[in-house]
């Protein structure tokens, strides 16, 4: 069997309950991740439901952390623990048995509980169908806990790049590793994993550089303190830049340094795109080019990350995408 080829299990439509679960995941992806949802059109139709299931699970956990109306931080931590327990249950029952859930959801809203059950139903089938390593999902949940105050995992600062990578291992790399068997590879999946993990880290570090001001508003700094300190930058200086909207020269130099680190990660990751199935390479190359373009915009703005959010202009987004898709079409011709 080729890497990324699904196992010979029934199609989702063969099981009405499972089909309904996948449809629920598709709706979550369509409403909450429009760009992500559109990107799935580049996949073969039979692979799209799996991507929707992976997205829906990640979104479910992310919403637990981000929804301030859910109550205390302890309650959020308890919900993540419950999701992990439910996940372990579905991983122990393959194929998934909807009646095997041993605990009721903590929400009073039965519709929400039903939706979570559907997400886990589809996720269990996806994990089984594509032989995805379960620990990628547990690593992801651990990174979610790192964003929840009051948990033993919580961090709002990262002393070193190794510490930050520990967070990104779950928040970014694990997502890429979950997706890899679904996207498909032309080599054994294990050979493509290092590059896929690196690309996830590259994307996330770019987000952290772009979103410094937003993260400061949340009391977080997702940049390595030791790398910043080498240029005389600390949390107080970043807060001052945020208040004034001006980037101190020391901060500019530090950001230039972290951007260089970020570009090195892209250089490690990008050759791995050729290890993917040809059909999906254009989309991943496009995403990599566009995210790297954010770094260019930060530099072109004079590192004005406290005054504006760096975005790649629409005309460049269209041009990069067009070049990739035309190139892919010519290769297939």
Protein backbone atom coordinates (compact mmCIF):
# COMPACT_ATOMS: atom_id res chain seq x y z
CA UNK A 1 0.00 0.00 0.00
CA UNK A 2 1.37 3.44 -0.90
CA UNK A 3 2.05 5.94 1.87
CA UNK A 4 -1.08 7.92 2.56
CA UNK A 5 -3.38 5.42 0.88
CA UNK A 6 -6.45 4.78 3.05
CA UNK A 7 -7.17 1.31 4.30
CA UNK A 8 -9.91 -0.67 2.61
CA UNK A 9 -12.76 0.34 4.89
CA UNK A 10 -16.29 1.25 3.87
CA UNK A 11 -16.89 4.70 2.46
CA UNK A 12 -18.47 7.17 4.93
CA UNK A 13 -21.81 6.98 3.10
CA UNK A 14 -22.01 3.25 3.89
CA UNK A 15 -22.73 4.12 7.52
CA UNK A 16 -25.46 6.72 8.04
CA UNK A 17 -24.28 7.68 11.51
CA UNK A 18 -20.70 8.00 10.37
CA UNK A 19 -21.78 9.96 7.30
CA UNK A 20 -23.65 12.37 9.57
CA UNK A 21 -20.56 12.78 11.74
CA UNK A 22 -18.43 13.64 8.73
CA UNK A 23 -21.05 16.12 7.51
CA UNK A 24 -20.94 17.83 10.90
CA UNK A 25 -17.16 18.15 10.61
CA UNK A 26 -17.52 19.53 7.09
CA UNK A 27 -19.88 22.24 8.37
CA UNK A 28 -17.41 23.20 11.10
CA UNK A 29 -14.62 23.53 8.54
CA UNK A 30 -16.78 25.48 6.09
CA UNK A 31 -17.92 28.01 8.70
CA UNK A 32 -14.75 28.45 10.75
CA UNK A 33 -11.89 27.74 8.38
CA UNK A 34 -12.90 29.06 4.99
CA UNK A 35 -9.40 29.21 3.47
CA UNK A 36 -8.58 25.81 4.93
CA UNK A 37 -11.89 24.46 3.63
CA UNK A 38 -11.27 25.76 0.11
CA UNK A 39 -7.78 24.27 0.12
CA UNK A 40 -9.29 20.82 0.59
CA UNK A 41 -10.70 21.11 -2.93
CA UNK A 42 -7.20 20.29 -4.14
CA UNK A 43 -7.49 16.87 -2.53
CA UNK A 44 -9.14 13.85 -4.04
CA UNK A 45 -12.78 13.82 -2.98
CA UNK A 46 -12.41 10.69 -0.86
CA UNK A 47 -9.72 12.36 1.28
CA UNK A 48 -11.60 15.57 2.07
CA UNK A 49 -13.79 14.17 4.87
CA UNK A 50 -10.69 13.12 6.80
CA UNK A 51 -9.24 16.64 6.58
CA UNK A 52 -12.56 18.06 7.79
CA UNK A 53 -12.50 15.67 10.76
CA UNK A 54 -8.96 16.67 11.72
CA UNK A 55 -9.85 20.34 11.46
CA UNK A 56 -13.04 19.93 13.49
CA UNK A 57 -11.18 18.21 16.33
CA UNK A 58 -8.50 20.92 16.45
CA UNK A 59 -11.18 23.60 16.34
CA UNK A 60 -13.12 21.93 19.13
CA UNK A 61 -10.10 21.98 21.45
CA UNK A 62 -9.13 25.50 20.42
CA UNK A 63 -12.63 26.80 21.13
CA UNK A 64 -12.50 25.34 24.63
CA UNK A 65 -9.35 27.36 25.33
CA UNK A 66 -10.43 30.57 23.59
CA UNK A 67 -14.05 30.90 24.66
CA UNK A 68 -13.88 33.26 27.63
CA UNK A 69 -17.53 32.64 28.46
CA UNK A 70 -16.84 29.06 29.44
CA UNK A 71 -15.99 30.12 33.00
CA UNK A 72 -12.90 29.58 35.12
CA UNK A 73 -9.56 28.41 33.82
CA UNK A 74 -9.95 25.29 35.93
CA UNK A 75 -13.19 24.54 34.09
CA UNK A 76 -11.34 24.90 30.76
CA UNK A 77 -8.64 22.51 31.98
CA UNK A 78 -11.29 20.03 33.08
CA UNK A 79 -12.92 20.18 29.65
CA UNK A 80 -9.61 19.47 27.92
CA UNK A 81 -9.08 16.53 30.26
CA UNK A 82 -12.54 15.24 29.38
CA UNK A 83 -11.86 15.58 25.65
CA UNK A 84 -8.65 13.59 26.10
CA UNK A 85 -10.52 10.90 28.04
CA UNK A 86 -13.15 10.68 25.30
CA UNK A 87 -10.41 10.56 22.67
CA UNK A 88 -8.66 7.71 24.45
CA UNK A 89 -11.97 5.85 24.55
CA UNK A 90 -12.50 6.15 20.80
CA UNK A 91 -8.91 5.12 20.18
CA UNK A 92 -9.45 1.98 22.23
CA UNK A 93 -12.61 1.07 20.31
CA UNK A 94 -11.82 0.69 16.64
CA UNK A 95 -14.10 0.99 14.79
CA UNK A 96 -15.70 3.62 16.97
CA UNK A 97 -18.62 2.56 19.15
CA UNK A 98 -20.85 5.55 19.78
CA UNK A 99 -22.28 3.88 22.87
CA UNK A 100 -18.89 3.35 24.46
CA UNK A 101 -18.67 6.84 25.98
CA UNK A 102 -18.28 6.44 29.70
CA UNK A 103 -18.83 10.05 30.75
CA UNK A 104 -21.41 12.68 29.91
CA UNK A 105 -20.24 16.01 28.56
CA UNK A 106 -20.01 18.84 31.08
CA UNK A 107 -22.11 21.24 28.95
CA UNK A 108 -25.82 21.51 29.69
CA UNK A 109 -26.39 22.01 25.99
CA UNK A 110 -27.09 18.56 24.57
CA UNK A 111 -26.65 19.81 21.02
CA UNK A 112 -23.06 20.78 21.83
CA UNK A 113 -22.45 17.40 23.42
CA UNK A 114 -23.88 15.69 20.35
CA UNK A 115 -21.63 17.70 18.06
CA UNK A 116 -18.56 16.75 20.05
CA UNK A 117 -19.57 13.12 19.89
CA UNK A 118 -19.90 13.39 16.11
CA UNK A 119 -16.46 14.99 15.80
CA UNK A 120 -14.89 12.18 17.78
CA UNK A 121 -16.82 9.60 15.75
CA UNK A 122 -15.41 10.96 12.49
CA UNK A 123 -11.95 11.44 14.00
CA UNK A 124 -11.79 7.83 15.18
CA UNK A 125 -12.67 6.62 11.71
CA UNK A 126 -10.07 8.92 10.14
CA UNK A 127 -7.34 7.75 12.52
CA UNK A 128 -8.15 4.13 11.74
CA UNK A 129 -8.58 4.64 8.01
CA UNK A 130 -5.27 6.46 7.49
CA UNK A 131 -3.29 4.81 10.30
CA UNK A 132 -2.47 8.16 11.96
CA UNK A 133 -0.30 7.88 15.08
CA UNK A 134 -2.57 8.63 18.09
CA UNK A 135 0.16 10.39 20.06
CA UNK A 136 -0.02 13.36 17.65
CA UNK A 137 -3.46 14.17 19.07
CA UNK A 138 -2.35 13.84 22.70
CA UNK A 139 0.65 16.08 21.99
CA UNK A 140 -1.72 18.63 20.48
CA UNK A 141 -3.91 18.62 23.60
CA UNK A 142 -0.84 19.11 25.80
CA UNK A 143 0.00 22.28 23.85
CA UNK A 144 -3.57 23.51 24.38
CA UNK A 145 -3.07 23.11 28.14
CA UNK A 146 0.04 25.29 27.88
CA UNK A 147 -2.30 28.18 27.04
CA UNK A 148 -4.55 27.63 30.08
CA UNK A 149 -3.55 29.48 33.29
CA UNK A 150 -3.70 27.35 36.39
CA UNK A 151 -2.63 24.11 34.72
CA UNK A 152 0.76 22.53 35.36
CA UNK A 153 1.49 22.95 31.64
CA UNK A 154 0.76 26.70 31.49
CA UNK A 155 3.35 29.07 30.05
CA UNK A 156 3.01 32.70 29.04
CA UNK A 157 6.74 33.15 28.40
CA UNK A 158 9.35 30.95 26.71
CA UNK A 159 12.93 31.15 27.94
CA UNK A 160 14.61 29.51 24.95
CA UNK A 161 13.91 28.48 21.39
CA UNK A 162 13.87 24.88 22.61
CA UNK A 163 11.08 25.78 25.05
CA UNK A 164 9.11 27.48 22.30
CA UNK A 165 9.58 24.50 20.02
CA UNK A 166 8.20 22.30 22.78
CA UNK A 167 4.98 24.31 22.51
CA UNK A 168 5.02 24.32 18.71
CA UNK A 169 5.55 20.56 18.66
CA UNK A 170 1.94 20.22 19.75
CA UNK A 171 0.35 23.38 18.43
CA UNK A 172 1.80 23.26 14.91
CA UNK A 173 4.03 20.29 14.12
CA UNK A 174 1.48 17.77 15.41
CA UNK A 175 -1.17 19.20 13.08
CA UNK A 176 1.08 18.68 10.08
CA UNK A 177 1.90 15.16 11.20
CA UNK A 178 -1.79 14.35 11.57
CA UNK A 179 -2.45 15.60 8.05
CA UNK A 180 0.51 13.92 6.39
CA UNK A 181 -1.00 10.43 5.92
CA UNK A 182 -4.17 12.02 4.53
CA UNK A 183 -2.34 14.27 2.08
CA UNK A 184 -0.34 11.29 0.91
CA UNK A 185 3.39 10.88 0.29
CA UNK A 186 5.56 9.28 -2.38
CA UNK A 187 7.86 7.87 0.29
CA UNK A 188 7.10 6.12 3.58
CA UNK A 189 5.32 8.58 5.86
CA UNK A 190 8.12 8.49 8.45
CA UNK A 191 10.57 9.90 5.88
CA UNK A 192 8.35 12.93 5.26
CA UNK A 193 7.60 13.65 8.92
CA UNK A 194 10.63 15.83 9.83
CA UNK A 195 9.98 18.27 6.99
CA UNK A 196 6.24 18.35 7.68
CA UNK A 197 6.87 19.13 11.35
CA UNK A 198 9.35 21.84 10.39
CA UNK A 199 6.89 23.48 8.02
CA UNK A 200 4.28 23.61 10.77
CA UNK A 201 6.82 25.24 13.07
CA UNK A 202 7.80 27.72 10.37
CA UNK A 203 4.19 28.78 9.85
CA UNK A 204 3.58 29.16 13.57
CA UNK A 205 6.73 31.18 14.25
CA UNK A 206 5.71 33.52 11.42
CA UNK A 207 2.35 33.95 13.15
CA UNK A 208 4.09 34.76 16.42
CA UNK A 209 6.25 37.43 14.75
CA UNK A 210 3.24 38.97 13.04
CA UNK A 211 0.98 38.85 16.12
CA UNK A 212 3.31 40.16 18.84
CA UNK A 213 0.95 43.01 19.73
CA UNK A 214 -2.14 40.80 19.90
CA UNK A 215 -0.32 38.28 22.09
CA UNK A 216 0.86 41.04 24.43
CA UNK A 217 -2.78 42.06 24.85
CA UNK A 218 -3.37 38.52 26.13
CA UNK A 219 -0.36 38.68 28.43
CA UNK A 220 1.67 36.28 26.26
CA UNK A 221 5.04 36.46 24.52
CA UNK A 222 5.61 33.65 22.02
CA UNK A 223 9.23 34.51 21.22
CA UNK A 224 12.34 33.04 22.92
CA UNK A 225 13.50 35.33 25.75
CA UNK A 226 17.18 34.45 25.42
CA UNK A 227 17.25 35.33 21.71
CA UNK A 228 15.60 38.68 22.48
CA UNK A 229 17.86 39.36 25.48
CA UNK A 230 20.93 39.11 23.25
CA UNK A 231 19.76 42.40 21.72
CA UNK A 232 18.77 44.05 24.99
CA UNK A 233 15.07 43.26 24.63
CA UNK A 234 12.86 42.14 27.49
CA UNK A 235 9.12 42.00 28.24
CA UNK A 236 9.08 45.59 29.56
CA UNK A 237 10.59 46.95 26.36
CA UNK A 238 8.10 45.02 24.23
CA UNK A 239 5.26 46.40 26.37
CA UNK A 240 6.60 49.93 25.90
CA UNK A 241 6.73 49.46 22.13
CA UNK A 242 3.16 48.19 22.22
CA UNK A 243 1.94 51.22 24.20
CA UNK A 244 3.66 53.71 21.89
CA UNK A 245 3.13 51.81 18.64
CA UNK A 246 6.81 52.34 17.83
CA UNK A 247 9.46 49.68 17.39
CA UNK A 248 12.62 50.38 19.36
CA UNK A 249 15.87 49.86 17.38
CA UNK A 250 16.85 47.05 19.75
CA UNK A 251 13.56 45.31 19.01
CA UNK A 252 14.08 45.74 15.27
CA UNK A 253 17.44 43.99 15.51
CA UNK A 254 15.97 41.20 17.63
CA UNK A 255 13.09 40.69 15.21
CA UNK A 256 15.51 40.58 12.28
CA UNK A 257 17.39 37.83 14.11
CA UNK A 258 14.26 35.77 14.83
CA UNK A 259 13.13 36.22 11.22
CA UNK A 260 16.48 34.76 10.11
CA UNK A 261 15.83 31.77 12.39
CA UNK A 262 12.35 31.46 10.89
CA UNK A 263 13.71 31.46 7.34
CA UNK A 264 16.17 28.71 8.23
CA UNK A 265 13.22 26.57 9.33
CA UNK A 266 11.49 27.20 5.99
CA UNK A 267 14.69 26.15 4.20
CA UNK A 268 14.70 22.88 6.11
CA UNK A 269 10.99 22.30 5.50
CA UNK A 270 10.46 23.23 1.87
CA UNK A 271 12.36 20.32 0.24
CA UNK A 272 9.92 18.02 2.01
CA UNK A 273 7.10 19.30 -0.18
CA UNK A 274 8.46 17.14 -3.00
CA UNK A 275 7.84 14.09 -0.79
CA UNK A 276 4.08 14.73 -0.91
CA UNK A 277 1.65 13.42 -3.49
CA UNK A 278 1.97 15.62 -6.63
CA UNK A 279 -1.66 16.75 -6.42
CA UNK A 280 -1.19 18.53 -3.08
CA UNK A 281 2.24 20.05 -3.66
CA UNK A 282 0.97 23.27 -5.28
CA UNK A 283 -1.23 24.12 -2.30
CA UNK A 284 1.55 23.52 0.21
CA UNK A 285 4.09 25.46 -1.87
CA UNK A 286 1.61 28.32 -2.12
CA UNK A 287 1.04 28.34 1.63
CA UNK A 288 4.78 28.31 2.28
CA UNK A 289 5.43 31.16 -0.15
CA UNK A 290 2.62 33.27 1.27
CA UNK A 291 3.65 32.74 4.88
CA UNK A 292 7.28 33.53 4.08
CA UNK A 293 5.92 36.65 2.38
CA UNK A 294 4.66 37.84 5.77
CA UNK A 295 8.27 37.99 6.93
CA UNK A 296 9.09 40.16 3.90
CA UNK A 297 6.23 42.50 4.80
CA UNK A 298 7.44 42.83 8.39
CA UNK A 299 10.88 43.85 7.13
CA UNK A 300 9.47 46.22 4.53
CA UNK A 301 7.39 47.97 7.19
CA UNK A 302 10.48 48.66 9.28
CA UNK A 303 9.37 45.97 11.76
CA UNK A 304 6.29 48.03 12.62
CA UNK A 305 4.56 45.04 14.21
CA UNK A 306 3.15 47.20 17.02
CA UNK A 307 1.46 49.64 14.65
CA UNK A 308 0.08 47.34 11.95
CA UNK A 309 -0.50 43.71 11.15
CA UNK A 310 1.71 42.43 8.35
CA UNK A 311 -0.30 40.88 5.53
CA UNK A 312 0.62 39.74 2.05
CA UNK A 313 -1.21 41.94 -0.49
CA UNK A 314 -4.11 40.31 -2.30
CA UNK A 315 -2.48 40.73 -5.72
CA UNK A 316 0.59 38.84 -4.49
CA UNK A 317 -1.56 36.10 -2.94
CA UNK A 318 -3.29 35.65 -6.30
CA UNK A 319 -0.03 35.79 -8.27
CA UNK A 320 1.72 33.20 -6.10
CA UNK A 321 -1.26 30.88 -6.26
CA UNK A 322 -1.63 31.33 -10.02
CA UNK A 323 2.03 30.50 -10.70
CA UNK A 324 1.83 27.34 -8.61
CA UNK A 325 -1.41 26.08 -10.12
CA UNK A 326 -0.34 26.83 -13.71
CA UNK A 327 2.96 25.06 -13.10
CA UNK A 328 1.14 22.05 -11.70
CA UNK A 329 -1.23 21.98 -14.68
CA UNK A 330 1.69 22.04 -17.11
CA UNK A 331 3.37 19.16 -15.29
CA UNK A 332 0.20 17.10 -15.61
CA UNK A 333 -0.33 17.99 -19.28
